[in-house]
Amino acid sequence: MPISTAAGSRLLTALVAGFLALSPDARAEPIDLRVRQFDDFRFGHDPADRLAFLGGMSLIGPRKFGGFSGLLVDGDRMLAVSDTGMWLSARLILDGERLTGIEDAALWPRLDLLGRDIRTKATGDAEDLARVDGGILVVIEQARELWRYPADGLTIDRTARPERLGRPEQFTRLAKRHGVESLTELPTGERLIVMEGEGTRGAIPALRDETSFAIARSDKWAITGADVLPGGDVLLIERYYGGGIDVRMRVRRLGRDAILGAGPDDVIDGPVLIEADFSDEIDNMEAIAAEVRDGRIILTLMSDDNMSFLQRTLLLRFAVRDPLPRANPLRAPSRA
């Protein structure tokens, strides 16, 4: 039986409304990316490297693309957050473990606590992500807050507003003084939050829920991202800026026992897996995602281009050659 124009219009409206209600991707804007792949990370292999390079690429996208400071990876899916109030999702194209491309990229605005698109730096300044029960946790530096977004795995419910979580008093105090940069959730269910650190002297403050401790720092290195391995070890990505093009990157590993045993008077440390400078394929590296695939520890790193045409958005992929390095035992606090 033919459907009247009015009935057809109502049916179409109902179908569209149903699709929007069911699809968490409804607000996403698919984007095209210009990709430049590279197969070599450095000019020469450094025998001190504990990481094997598995491909990398630079990405150029439309307006509002860039500034990515937090990253999660699950198999071939990735989710990134920017410090300008945007989400990025995409599918990694893998040849075995090697990164060879990217597709299905989508960019859309993060929502504030009232369900509105974020338009201010105060709430847009996300620094890291963590997977938690029922969603994705975002740490916001300027607001010094933790927001949980409803999600199924790495698929954000893009129409649902986030929930602001309670925060320890020490978090507010430390974040105000030092700036907050890194967030991950330990297998114990505790949150590990690491501050950016102030100046170039002294250890870097960290919190394991409400327990404070510190992470050793050398020279001008600052921690910019963290992720946890299934066994509880934590991988840190760190940045060094000495002015001009004196930009460096390194990855450090902290042992589970050191992290869980640390208290207010303790400074913990761990081995450096790789260190690179601007002669290598790096930029302002801020985000790290770690996972175990077929028994190998795989790391994906991402850079924050600061929305500048002079910088690049990079994705780098590595496998840990040496799966066994452990953090140094707890040692006396640094007096520097």
C-alpha atoms as a PDB file:
ATOM      1  CA  MET A   1       0.000   0.000   0.000  1.00  0.00           C
ATOM      2  CA  PRO A   2       1.400   3.413  -0.929  1.00  0.00           C
ATOM      3  CA  ILE A   3       2.593   5.564   1.978  1.00  0.00           C
ATOM      4  CA  SER A   4       1.299   9.134   2.120  1.00  0.00           C
ATOM      5  CA  THR A   5       3.772  12.022   2.036  1.00  0.00           C
ATOM      6  CA  ALA A   6       3.011  12.917   5.666  1.00  0.00           C
ATOM      7  CA  ALA A   7       3.264   9.315   6.838  1.00  0.00           C
ATOM      8  CA  GLY A   8       6.481   8.882   4.863  1.00  0.00           C
ATOM      9  CA  SER A   9       7.919  11.979   6.462  1.00  0.00           C
ATOM     10  CA  ARG A  10       7.017  10.695   9.948  1.00  0.00           C
ATOM     11  CA  LEU A  11       8.535   7.304   9.162  1.00  0.00           C
ATOM     12  CA  LEU A  12      11.758   8.874   7.878  1.00  0.00           C
ATOM     13  CA  THR A  13      11.955  11.088  10.965  1.00  0.00           C
ATOM     14  CA  ALA A  14      11.470   8.059  13.219  1.00  0.00           C
ATOM     15  CA  LEU A  15      14.117   6.046  11.381  1.00  0.00           C
ATOM     16  CA  VAL A  16      16.642   8.887  11.575  1.00  0.00           C
ATOM     17  CA  ALA A  17      15.876   9.449  15.270  1.00  0.00           C
ATOM     18  CA  GLY A  18      16.277   5.746  15.931  1.00  0.00           C
ATOM     19  CA  PHE A  19      19.601   5.665  14.111  1.00  0.00           C
ATOM     20  CA  LEU A  20      20.889   8.664  16.062  1.00  0.00           C
ATOM     21  CA  ALA A  21      19.798   7.120  19.335  1.00  0.00           C
ATOM     22  CA  LEU A  22      21.508   3.820  18.548  1.00  0.00           C
ATOM     23  CA  SER A  23      24.657   5.130  16.932  1.00  0.00           C
ATOM     24  CA  PRO A  24      27.339   6.547  19.226  1.00  0.00           C
ATOM     25  CA  ASP A  25      29.161   7.710  16.087  1.00  0.00           C
ATOM     26  CA  ALA A  26      26.328   9.966  14.958  1.00  0.00           C
ATOM     27  CA  ARG A  27      28.053  13.239  15.857  1.00  0.00           C
ATOM     28  CA  ALA A  28      31.419  12.261  14.430  1.00  0.00           C
ATOM     29  CA  GLU A  29      32.718  14.004  11.355  1.00  0.00           C
ATOM     30  CA  PRO A  30      34.668  11.642   9.060  1.00  0.00           C
ATOM     31  CA  ILE A  31      37.862  13.344   7.958  1.00  0.00           C
ATOM     32  CA  ASP A  32      40.485  12.798   5.316  1.00  0.00           C
ATOM     33  CA  LEU A  33      44.102  12.706   6.436  1.00  0.00           C
ATOM     34  CA  ARG A  34      47.252  13.319   4.445  1.00  0.00           C
ATOM     35  CA  VAL A  35      49.732  10.662   5.519  1.00  0.00           C
ATOM     36  CA  ARG A  36      53.493  10.444   5.097  1.00  0.00           C
ATOM     37  CA  GLN A  37      54.849   7.081   6.138  1.00  0.00           C
ATOM     38  CA  PHE A  38      58.431   6.387   7.152  1.00  0.00           C
ATOM     39  CA  ASP A  39      60.114   3.043   7.761  1.00  0.00           C
ATOM     40  CA  ASP A  40      63.214   4.261   9.591  1.00  0.00           C
ATOM     41  CA  PHE A  41      63.102   5.962  12.956  1.00  0.00           C
ATOM     42  CA  ARG A  42      66.783   6.893  13.110  1.00  0.00           C
ATOM     43  CA  PHE A  43      69.698   7.135  10.736  1.00  0.00           C
ATOM     44  CA  GLY A  44      71.438   4.282  12.523  1.00  0.00           C
ATOM     45  CA  HIS A  45      70.440   1.565  14.982  1.00  0.00           C
ATOM     46  CA  ASP A  46      71.434   2.271  18.560  1.00  0.00           C
ATOM     47  CA  PRO A  47      72.371  -0.969  20.341  1.00  0.00           C
ATOM     48  CA  ALA A  48      71.244   0.650  23.610  1.00  0.00           C
ATOM     49  CA  ASP A  49      67.640   0.794  22.337  1.00  0.00           C
ATOM     50  CA  ARG A  50      65.329  -1.647  24.055  1.00  0.00           C
ATOM     51  CA  LEU A  51      62.616  -0.871  21.482  1.00  0.00           C
ATOM     52  CA  ALA A  52      62.292  -2.136  17.903  1.00  0.00           C
ATOM     53  CA  PHE A  53      60.677   0.298  15.454  1.00  0.00           C
ATOM     54  CA  LEU A  54      57.460  -0.942  13.801  1.00  0.00           C
ATOM     55  CA  GLY A  55      56.644   1.945  11.493  1.00  0.00           C
ATOM     56  CA  GLY A  56      55.520   5.525  11.788  1.00  0.00           C
ATOM     57  CA  MET A  57      53.737   8.329   9.981  1.00  0.00           C
ATOM     58  CA  SER A  58      53.005  12.021  10.098  1.00  0.00           C
ATOM     59  CA  LEU A  59      49.379  13.116   9.802  1.00  0.00           C
ATOM     60  CA  ILE A  60      47.880  16.324   8.439  1.00  0.00           C
ATOM     61  CA  GLY A  61      44.165  16.927   8.838  1.00  0.00           C
ATOM     62  CA  PRO A  62      41.532  19.666   8.592  1.00  0.00           C
ATOM     63  CA  ARG A  63      41.008  22.615  10.887  1.00  0.00           C
ATOM     64  CA  LYS A  64      40.876  21.600  14.574  1.00  0.00           C
ATOM     65  CA  PHE A  65      43.056  18.548  13.863  1.00  0.00           C
ATOM     66  CA  GLY A  66      46.084  18.456  16.167  1.00  0.00           C
ATOM     67  CA  GLY A  67      47.087  19.108  19.747  1.00  0.00           C
ATOM     68  CA  PHE A  68      46.720  15.442  20.734  1.00  0.00           C
ATOM     69  CA  SER A  69      47.884  14.747  24.268  1.00  0.00           C
ATOM     70  CA  GLY A  70      46.272  11.439  25.283  1.00  0.00           C
ATOM     71  CA  LEU A  71      46.025   8.114  23.422  1.00  0.00           C
ATOM     72  CA  LEU A  72      44.445   4.674  23.853  1.00  0.00           C
ATOM     73  CA  VAL A  73      44.945   1.718  21.493  1.00  0.00           C
ATOM     74  CA  ASP A  74      43.063  -1.584  21.446  1.00  0.00           C
ATOM     75  CA  GLY A  75      44.142  -3.870  18.620  1.00  0.00           C
ATOM     76  CA  ASP A  76      43.675  -1.838  15.462  1.00  0.00           C
ATOM     77  CA  ARG A  77      41.461   0.820  17.055  1.00  0.00           C
ATOM     78  CA  MET A  78      42.741   4.083  18.494  1.00  0.00           C
ATOM     79  CA  LEU A  79      41.175   6.934  20.424  1.00  0.00           C
ATOM     80  CA  ALA A  80      42.983  10.220  21.062  1.00  0.00           C
ATOM     81  CA  VAL A  81      42.037  13.394  22.911  1.00  0.00           C
ATOM     82  CA  SER A  82      43.355  16.884  22.204  1.00  0.00           C
ATOM     83  CA  ASP A  83      44.067  19.757  24.565  1.00  0.00           C
ATOM     84  CA  THR A  84      41.724  21.889  22.445  1.00  0.00           C
ATOM     85  CA  GLY A  85      38.523  19.967  23.246  1.00  0.00           C
ATOM     86  CA  MET A  86      38.391  17.354  20.452  1.00  0.00           C
ATOM     87  CA  TRP A  87      38.234  13.568  20.154  1.00  0.00           C
ATOM     88  CA  LEU A  88      39.882  11.596  17.321  1.00  0.00           C
ATOM     89  CA  SER A  89      39.076   7.981  16.506  1.00  0.00           C
ATOM     90  CA  ALA A  90      40.594   5.879  13.719  1.00  0.00           C
ATOM     91  CA  ARG A  91      41.537   2.387  12.641  1.00  0.00           C
ATOM     92  CA  LEU A  92      45.212   1.507  12.325  1.00  0.00           C
ATOM     93  CA  ILE A  93      46.207  -0.490   9.267  1.00  0.00           C
ATOM     94  CA  LEU A  94      48.622  -3.177  10.423  1.00  0.00           C
ATOM     95  CA  ASP A  95      50.791  -5.629   8.509  1.00  0.00           C
ATOM     96  CA  GLY A  96      51.341  -8.098  11.296  1.00  0.00           C
ATOM     97  CA  GLU A  97      52.559  -5.798  14.066  1.00  0.00           C
ATOM     98  CA  ARG A  98      53.843  -3.119  11.701  1.00  0.00           C
ATOM     99  CA  LEU A  99      51.937   0.138  11.257  1.00  0.00           C
ATOM    100  CA  THR A 100      51.361   0.793   7.557  1.00  0.00           C
ATOM    101  CA  GLY A 101      48.446   3.233   7.431  1.00  0.00           C
ATOM    102  CA  ILE A 102      45.352   4.716   9.024  1.00  0.00           C
ATOM    103  CA  GLU A 103      41.713   4.864   7.952  1.00  0.00           C
ATOM    104  CA  ASP A 104      38.152   5.552   9.160  1.00  0.00           C
ATOM    105  CA  ALA A 105      39.327   8.691  10.962  1.00  0.00           C
ATOM    106  CA  ALA A 106      36.684  10.833  12.653  1.00  0.00           C
ATOM    107  CA  LEU A 107      36.988  14.075  14.612  1.00  0.00           C
ATOM    108  CA  TRP A 108      34.340  15.543  16.909  1.00  0.00           C
ATOM    109  CA  PRO A 109      34.043  17.907  19.905  1.00  0.00           C
ATOM    110  CA  ARG A 110      34.259  16.675  23.463  1.00  0.00           C
ATOM    111  CA  LEU A 111      31.241  17.537  25.635  1.00  0.00           C
ATOM    112  CA  ASP A 112      31.321  19.475  28.899  1.00  0.00           C
ATOM    113  CA  LEU A 113      29.423  18.629  32.089  1.00  0.00           C
ATOM    114  CA  LEU A 114      26.243  20.245  30.691  1.00  0.00           C
ATOM    115  CA  GLY A 115      26.418  18.294  27.436  1.00  0.00           C
ATOM    116  CA  ARG A 116      27.648  21.227  25.353  1.00  0.00           C
ATOM    117  CA  ASP A 117      30.547  21.255  22.894  1.00  0.00           C
ATOM    118  CA  ILE A 118      33.679  22.425  24.675  1.00  0.00           C
ATOM    119  CA  ARG A 119      34.811  25.854  23.509  1.00  0.00           C
ATOM    120  CA  THR A 120      37.102  27.052  26.314  1.00  0.00           C
ATOM    121  CA  LYS A 121      40.691  26.180  27.182  1.00  0.00           C
ATOM    122  CA  ALA A 122      39.774  25.758  30.850  1.00  0.00           C
ATOM    123  CA  THR A 123      37.747  22.591  30.134  1.00  0.00           C
ATOM    124  CA  GLY A 124      39.323  21.730  26.789  1.00  0.00           C
ATOM    125  CA  ASP A 125      42.848  21.227  28.171  1.00  0.00           C
ATOM    126  CA  ALA A 126      42.777  17.414  28.383  1.00  0.00           C
ATOM    127  CA  GLU A 127      46.183  15.862  29.070  1.00  0.00           C
ATOM    128  CA  ASP A 128      45.671  12.088  29.220  1.00  0.00           C
ATOM    129  CA  LEU A 129      43.169   9.228  29.036  1.00  0.00           C
ATOM    130  CA  ALA A 130      42.572   6.003  30.951  1.00  0.00           C
ATOM    131  CA  ARG A 131      40.154   3.120  30.444  1.00  0.00           C
ATOM    132  CA  VAL A 132      38.011   2.555  33.545  1.00  0.00           C
ATOM    133  CA  ASP A 133      34.847   0.603  34.336  1.00  0.00           C
ATOM    134  CA  GLY A 134      32.042   1.965  32.206  1.00  0.00           C
ATOM    135  CA  GLY A 135      33.990   4.504  30.270  1.00  0.00           C
ATOM    136  CA  ILE A 136      37.012   6.629  29.484  1.00  0.00           C
ATOM    137  CA  LEU A 137      38.567   8.872  32.137  1.00  0.00           C
ATOM    138  CA  VAL A 138      40.022  12.241  31.067  1.00  0.00           C
ATOM    139  CA  VAL A 139      42.284  14.397  33.216  1.00  0.00           C
ATOM    140  CA  ILE A 140      41.925  18.151  32.555  1.00  0.00           C
ATOM    141  CA  GLU A 141      44.916  20.240  33.545  1.00  0.00           C
ATOM    142  CA  GLN A 142      43.552  23.776  33.820  1.00  0.00           C
ATOM    143  CA  ALA A 143      40.327  22.747  35.564  1.00  0.00           C
ATOM    144  CA  ARG A 144      42.255  20.218  37.698  1.00  0.00           C
ATOM    145  CA  GLU A 145      39.399  17.729  37.302  1.00  0.00           C
ATOM    146  CA  LEU A 146      38.715  14.120  36.286  1.00  0.00           C
ATOM    147  CA  TRP A 147      35.780  13.487  33.914  1.00  0.00           C
ATOM    148  CA  ARG A 148      34.436  10.045  32.986  1.00  0.00           C
ATOM    149  CA  TYR A 149      32.796   9.655  29.582  1.00  0.00           C
ATOM    150  CA  PRO A 150      30.429   6.695  28.983  1.00  0.00           C
ATOM    151  CA  ALA A 151      32.007   4.273  26.499  1.00  0.00           C
ATOM    152  CA  ASP A 152      31.986   0.706  25.274  1.00  0.00           C
ATOM    153  CA  GLY A 153      35.659  -0.142  24.944  1.00  0.00           C
ATOM    154  CA  LEU A 154      37.103   2.729  22.907  1.00  0.00           C
ATOM    155  CA  THR A 155      33.713   3.694  21.448  1.00  0.00           C
ATOM    156  CA  ILE A 156      32.574   6.873  23.164  1.00  0.00           C
ATOM    157  CA  ASP A 157      28.871   7.550  23.636  1.00  0.00           C
ATOM    158  CA  ARG A 158      29.121  10.817  21.776  1.00  0.00           C
ATOM    159  CA  THR A 159      25.743  12.167  22.904  1.00  0.00           C
ATOM    160  CA  ALA A 160      26.212  11.520  26.634  1.00  0.00           C
ATOM    161  CA  ARG A 161      27.658  14.158  28.920  1.00  0.00           C
ATOM    162  CA  PRO A 162      30.515  13.180  31.230  1.00  0.00           C
ATOM    163  CA  GLU A 163      30.501  12.729  34.989  1.00  0.00           C
ATOM    164  CA  ARG A 164      32.904  14.698  37.172  1.00  0.00           C
ATOM    165  CA  LEU A 165      34.639  12.376  39.625  1.00  0.00           C
ATOM    166  CA  GLY A 166      35.731  13.166  43.138  1.00  0.00           C
ATOM    167  CA  ARG A 167      39.376  14.034  43.584  1.00  0.00           C
ATOM    168  CA  PRO A 168      41.755  13.761  46.511  1.00  0.00           C
ATOM    169  CA  GLU A 169      42.705  17.024  48.178  1.00  0.00           C
ATOM    170  CA  GLN A 170      46.348  16.280  47.343  1.00  0.00           C
ATOM    171  CA  PHE A 171      45.483  16.070  43.645  1.00  0.00           C
ATOM    172  CA  THR A 172      44.090  19.603  43.626  1.00  0.00           C
ATOM    173  CA  ARG A 173      47.054  20.940  45.574  1.00  0.00           C
ATOM    174  CA  LEU A 174      49.728  19.212  43.483  1.00  0.00           C
ATOM    175  CA  ALA A 175      48.006  19.938  40.163  1.00  0.00           C
ATOM    176  CA  LYS A 176      47.741  23.638  41.030  1.00  0.00           C
ATOM    177  CA  ARG A 177      51.447  23.852  41.827  1.00  0.00           C
ATOM    178  CA  HIS A 178      52.981  21.456  39.312  1.00  0.00           C
ATOM    179  CA  GLY A 179      50.431  20.918  36.520  1.00  0.00           C
ATOM    180  CA  VAL A 180      48.974  17.475  35.831  1.00  0.00           C
ATOM    181  CA  GLU A 181      50.144  15.562  32.746  1.00  0.00           C
ATOM    182  CA  SER A 182      49.605  11.808  32.996  1.00  0.00           C
ATOM    183  CA  LEU A 183      46.913   9.372  34.027  1.00  0.00           C
ATOM    184  CA  THR A 184      46.469   5.611  33.986  1.00  0.00           C
ATOM    185  CA  GLU A 185      44.607   2.997  36.016  1.00  0.00           C
ATOM    186  CA  LEU A 186      46.596   0.228  37.698  1.00  0.00           C
ATOM    187  CA  PRO A 187      45.403  -3.417  37.728  1.00  0.00           C
ATOM    188  CA  THR A 188      44.600  -2.900  41.434  1.00  0.00           C
ATOM    189  CA  GLY A 189      41.947  -0.352  40.418  1.00  0.00           C
ATOM    190  CA  GLU A 190      43.980   2.549  41.789  1.00  0.00           C
ATOM    191  CA  ARG A 191      44.525   5.631  39.635  1.00  0.00           C
ATOM    192  CA  LEU A 192      48.080   6.720  38.968  1.00  0.00           C
ATOM    193  CA  ILE A 193      48.342  10.453  38.318  1.00  0.00           C
ATOM    194  CA  VAL A 194      51.696  12.061  37.484  1.00  0.00           C
ATOM    195  CA  MET A 195      52.373  15.785  37.562  1.00  0.00           C
ATOM    196  CA  GLU A 196      54.327  17.669  34.928  1.00  0.00           C
ATOM    197  CA  GLY A 197      56.793  18.959  37.492  1.00  0.00           C
ATOM    198  CA  GLU A 198      57.998  22.481  38.097  1.00  0.00           C
ATOM    199  CA  GLY A 199      61.355  23.781  36.853  1.00  0.00           C
ATOM    200  CA  THR A 200      64.239  21.384  36.302  1.00  0.00           C
ATOM    201  CA  ARG A 201      65.155  20.330  39.813  1.00  0.00           C
ATOM    202  CA  GLY A 202      63.787  17.749  42.208  1.00  0.00           C
ATOM    203  CA  ALA A 203      61.678  14.647  41.732  1.00  0.00           C
ATOM    204  CA  ILE A 204      58.295  14.679  39.970  1.00  0.00           C
ATOM    205  CA  PRO A 205      55.227  14.340  42.249  1.00  0.00           C
ATOM    206  CA  ALA A 206      52.798  11.459  41.662  1.00  0.00           C
ATOM    207  CA  LEU A 207      49.663  10.056  43.307  1.00  0.00           C
ATOM    208  CA  ARG A 208      48.435   6.487  43.607  1.00  0.00           C
ATOM    209  CA  ASP A 209      44.863   7.315  44.590  1.00  0.00           C
ATOM    210  CA  GLU A 210      45.516   9.303  47.776  1.00  0.00           C
ATOM    211  CA  THR A 211      49.061   8.071  48.402  1.00  0.00           C
ATOM    212  CA  SER A 212      51.736  10.517  47.295  1.00  0.00           C
ATOM    213  CA  PHE A 213      55.259   9.609  46.202  1.00  0.00           C
ATOM    214  CA  ALA A 214      57.737  10.864  43.617  1.00  0.00           C
ATOM    215  CA  ILE A 215      59.418   9.743  40.409  1.00  0.00           C
ATOM    216  CA  ALA A 216      63.084  10.509  39.817  1.00  0.00           C
ATOM    217  CA  ARG A 217      63.836  13.270  37.319  1.00  0.00           C
ATOM    218  CA  SER A 218      67.071  14.160  35.563  1.00  0.00           C
ATOM    219  CA  ASP A 219      67.892  17.542  34.080  1.00  0.00           C
ATOM    220  CA  LYS A 220      65.015  19.120  32.099  1.00  0.00           C
ATOM    221  CA  TRP A 221      63.051  15.941  31.447  1.00  0.00           C
ATOM    222  CA  ALA A 222      59.290  16.128  32.106  1.00  0.00           C
ATOM    223  CA  ILE A 223      56.789  13.249  32.067  1.00  0.00           C
ATOM    224  CA  THR A 224      54.068  13.828  29.459  1.00  0.00           C
ATOM    225  CA  GLY A 225      52.168  10.513  29.313  1.00  0.00           C
ATOM    226  CA  ALA A 226      51.745   7.117  30.960  1.00  0.00           C
ATOM    227  CA  ASP A 227      50.142   3.745  30.359  1.00  0.00           C
ATOM    228  CA  VAL A 228      50.075   0.505  32.286  1.00  0.00           C
ATOM    229  CA  LEU A 229      50.931  -3.063  31.258  1.00  0.00           C
ATOM    230  CA  PRO A 230      48.722  -5.991  32.335  1.00  0.00           C
ATOM    231  CA  GLY A 231      51.266  -7.034  34.980  1.00  0.00           C
ATOM    232  CA  GLY A 232      51.233  -3.566  36.553  1.00  0.00           C
ATOM    233  CA  ASP A 233      54.472  -2.062  35.228  1.00  0.00           C
ATOM    234  CA  VAL A 234      54.002   1.482  33.897  1.00  0.00           C
ATOM    235  CA  LEU A 235      55.515   2.968  30.731  1.00  0.00           C
ATOM    236  CA  LEU A 236      56.240   6.703  30.800  1.00  0.00           C
ATOM    237  CA  ILE A 237      56.884   8.972  27.840  1.00  0.00           C
ATOM    238  CA  GLU A 238      59.079  11.968  28.635  1.00  0.00           C
ATOM    239  CA  ARG A 239      60.040  15.175  26.858  1.00  0.00           C
ATOM    240  CA  TYR A 240      63.154  17.338  27.093  1.00  0.00           C
ATOM    241  CA  TYR A 241      63.159  20.895  25.779  1.00  0.00           C
ATOM    242  CA  GLY A 242      66.405  22.843  25.871  1.00  0.00           C
ATOM    243  CA  GLY A 243      65.330  25.666  23.566  1.00  0.00           C
ATOM    244  CA  GLY A 244      65.150  25.951  19.773  1.00  0.00           C
ATOM    245  CA  ILE A 245      65.333  22.508  18.157  1.00  0.00           C
ATOM    246  CA  ASP A 246      66.818  20.880  21.255  1.00  0.00           C
ATOM    247  CA  VAL A 247      63.810  18.576  21.662  1.00  0.00           C
ATOM    248  CA  ARG A 248      64.204  15.012  22.898  1.00  0.00           C
ATOM    249  CA  MET A 249      61.997  12.042  23.733  1.00  0.00           C
ATOM    250  CA  ARG A 250      62.479   8.988  25.894  1.00  0.00           C
ATOM    251  CA  VAL A 251      60.461   6.062  27.248  1.00  0.00           C
ATOM    252  CA  ARG A 252      61.016   4.819  30.794  1.00  0.00           C
ATOM    253  CA  ARG A 253      59.598   1.753  32.552  1.00  0.00           C
ATOM    254  CA  LEU A 254      58.607   1.673  36.230  1.00  0.00           C
ATOM    255  CA  GLY A 255      58.123  -1.648  37.988  1.00  0.00           C
ATOM    256  CA  ARG A 256      54.836  -2.648  39.611  1.00  0.00           C
ATOM    257  CA  ASP A 257      56.416  -3.430  42.985  1.00  0.00           C
ATOM    258  CA  ALA A 258      58.115  -0.038  43.133  1.00  0.00           C
ATOM    259  CA  ILE A 259      54.865   1.796  42.317  1.00  0.00           C
ATOM    260  CA  LEU A 260      52.670  -0.156  44.742  1.00  0.00           C
ATOM    261  CA  GLY A 261      55.245   0.011  47.526  1.00  0.00           C
ATOM    262  CA  ALA A 262      56.012   3.724  47.242  1.00  0.00           C
ATOM    263  CA  GLY A 263      55.038   6.105  50.021  1.00  0.00           C
ATOM    264  CA  PRO A 264      55.312   9.836  50.727  1.00  0.00           C
ATOM    265  CA  ASP A 265      59.058   9.720  51.434  1.00  0.00           C
ATOM    266  CA  ASP A 266      59.985   7.579  48.434  1.00  0.00           C
ATOM    267  CA  VAL A 267      61.406   8.378  45.006  1.00  0.00           C
ATOM    268  CA  ILE A 268      61.234   5.566  42.444  1.00  0.00           C
ATOM    269  CA  ASP A 269      63.092   5.114  39.174  1.00  0.00           C
ATOM    270  CA  GLY A 270      63.315   2.688  36.283  1.00  0.00           C
ATOM    271  CA  PRO A 271      65.261   1.872  33.126  1.00  0.00           C
ATOM    272  CA  VAL A 272      65.145   4.031  30.004  1.00  0.00           C
ATOM    273  CA  LEU A 273      64.058   1.924  27.025  1.00  0.00           C
ATOM    274  CA  ILE A 274      64.829   4.461  24.309  1.00  0.00           C
ATOM    275  CA  GLU A 275      66.030   8.043  23.979  1.00  0.00           C
ATOM    276  CA  ALA A 276      65.841  10.087  20.771  1.00  0.00           C
ATOM    277  CA  ASP A 277      66.392  13.663  19.642  1.00  0.00           C
ATOM    278  CA  PHE A 278      65.344  15.915  16.777  1.00  0.00           C
ATOM    279  CA  SER A 279      67.665  14.153  14.341  1.00  0.00           C
ATOM    280  CA  ASP A 280      65.261  11.206  14.670  1.00  0.00           C
ATOM    281  CA  GLU A 281      61.592  11.057  13.659  1.00  0.00           C
ATOM    282  CA  ILE A 282      60.187  12.761  16.755  1.00  0.00           C
ATOM    283  CA  ASP A 283      58.327  15.918  17.646  1.00  0.00           C
ATOM    284  CA  ASN A 284      56.663  17.051  20.868  1.00  0.00           C
ATOM    285  CA  MET A 285      55.838  13.495  22.021  1.00  0.00           C
ATOM    286  CA  GLU A 286      53.043  13.564  24.598  1.00  0.00           C
ATOM    287  CA  ALA A 287      50.988  10.372  24.440  1.00  0.00           C
ATOM    288  CA  ILE A 288      51.743   6.671  24.922  1.00  0.00           C
ATOM    289  CA  ALA A 289      49.530   3.578  24.634  1.00  0.00           C
ATOM    290  CA  ALA A 290      50.806   0.132  25.655  1.00  0.00           C
ATOM    291  CA  GLU A 291      49.306  -3.270  24.933  1.00  0.00           C
ATOM    292  CA  VAL A 292      50.373  -6.917  24.779  1.00  0.00           C
ATOM    293  CA  ARG A 293      49.849  -8.677  21.432  1.00  0.00           C
ATOM    294  CA  ASP A 294      50.874 -12.309  20.971  1.00  0.00           C
ATOM    295  CA  GLY A 295      53.126 -12.070  23.987  1.00  0.00           C
ATOM    296  CA  ARG A 296      54.934  -8.937  22.770  1.00  0.00           C
ATOM    297  CA  ILE A 297      54.672  -5.512  24.378  1.00  0.00           C
ATOM    298  CA  ILE A 298      53.641  -3.007  21.693  1.00  0.00           C
ATOM    299  CA  LEU A 299      53.831   0.754  22.212  1.00  0.00           C
ATOM    300  CA  THR A 300      52.149   3.457  20.148  1.00  0.00           C
ATOM    301  CA  LEU A 301      53.332   7.041  20.662  1.00  0.00           C
ATOM    302  CA  MET A 302      51.689  10.271  19.482  1.00  0.00           C
ATOM    303  CA  SER A 303      52.883  13.872  19.342  1.00  0.00           C
ATOM    304  CA  ASP A 304      51.171  17.164  20.137  1.00  0.00           C
ATOM    305  CA  ASP A 305      51.829  19.664  17.341  1.00  0.00           C
ATOM    306  CA  ASN A 306      50.536  22.589  19.448  1.00  0.00           C
ATOM    307  CA  MET A 307      48.364  23.460  16.425  1.00  0.00           C
ATOM    308  CA  SER A 308      51.496  24.911  14.785  1.00  0.00           C
ATOM    309  CA  PHE A 309      52.472  24.544  11.137  1.00  0.00           C
ATOM    310  CA  LEU A 310      56.078  24.265  12.335  1.00  0.00           C
ATOM    311  CA  GLN A 311      55.363  20.992  14.154  1.00  0.00           C
ATOM    312  CA  ARG A 312      53.997  17.575  13.218  1.00  0.00           C
ATOM    313  CA  THR A 313      51.382  15.118  14.441  1.00  0.00           C
ATOM    314  CA  LEU A 314      53.254  11.806  14.535  1.00  0.00           C
ATOM    315  CA  LEU A 315      52.222   8.219  15.229  1.00  0.00           C
ATOM    316  CA  LEU A 316      55.130   5.900  16.096  1.00  0.00           C
ATOM    317  CA  ARG A 317      54.935   2.183  16.859  1.00  0.00           C
ATOM    318  CA  PHE A 318      57.508   0.061  18.705  1.00  0.00           C
ATOM    319  CA  ALA A 319      57.916  -3.402  20.207  1.00  0.00           C
ATOM    320  CA  VAL A 320      59.807  -3.843  23.461  1.00  0.00           C
ATOM    321  CA  ARG A 321      62.907  -5.956  22.709  1.00  0.00           C
ATOM    322  CA  ASP A 322      63.681  -6.522  26.366  1.00  0.00           C
ATOM    323  CA  PRO A 323      60.493  -7.486  28.229  1.00  0.00           C
ATOM    324  CA  LEU A 324      62.158  -7.883  31.618  1.00  0.00           C
ATOM    325  CA  PRO A 325      63.640  -4.561  32.824  1.00  0.00           C
ATOM    326  CA  ARG A 326      62.411  -3.741  36.291  1.00  0.00           C
ATOM    327  CA  ALA A 327      62.434  -0.478  38.201  1.00  0.00           C
ATOM    328  CA  ASN A 328      65.214   0.161  40.675  1.00  0.00           C
ATOM    329  CA  PRO A 329      64.378  -0.588  44.323  1.00  0.00           C
ATOM    330  CA  LEU A 330      62.905   2.207  46.378  1.00  0.00           C
ATOM    331  CA  ARG A 331      65.602   4.650  47.310  1.00  0.00           C
ATOM    332  CA  ALA A 332      65.995   7.700  49.485  1.00  0.00           C
ATOM    333  CA  PRO A 333      64.330  10.916  48.311  1.00  0.00           C
ATOM    334  CA  SER A 334      66.362  13.153  46.023  1.00  0.00           C
ATOM    335  CA  ARG A 335      67.897  16.163  47.772  1.00  0.00           C
ATOM    336  CA  ALA A 336      68.341  18.082  44.504  1.00  0.00           C
END
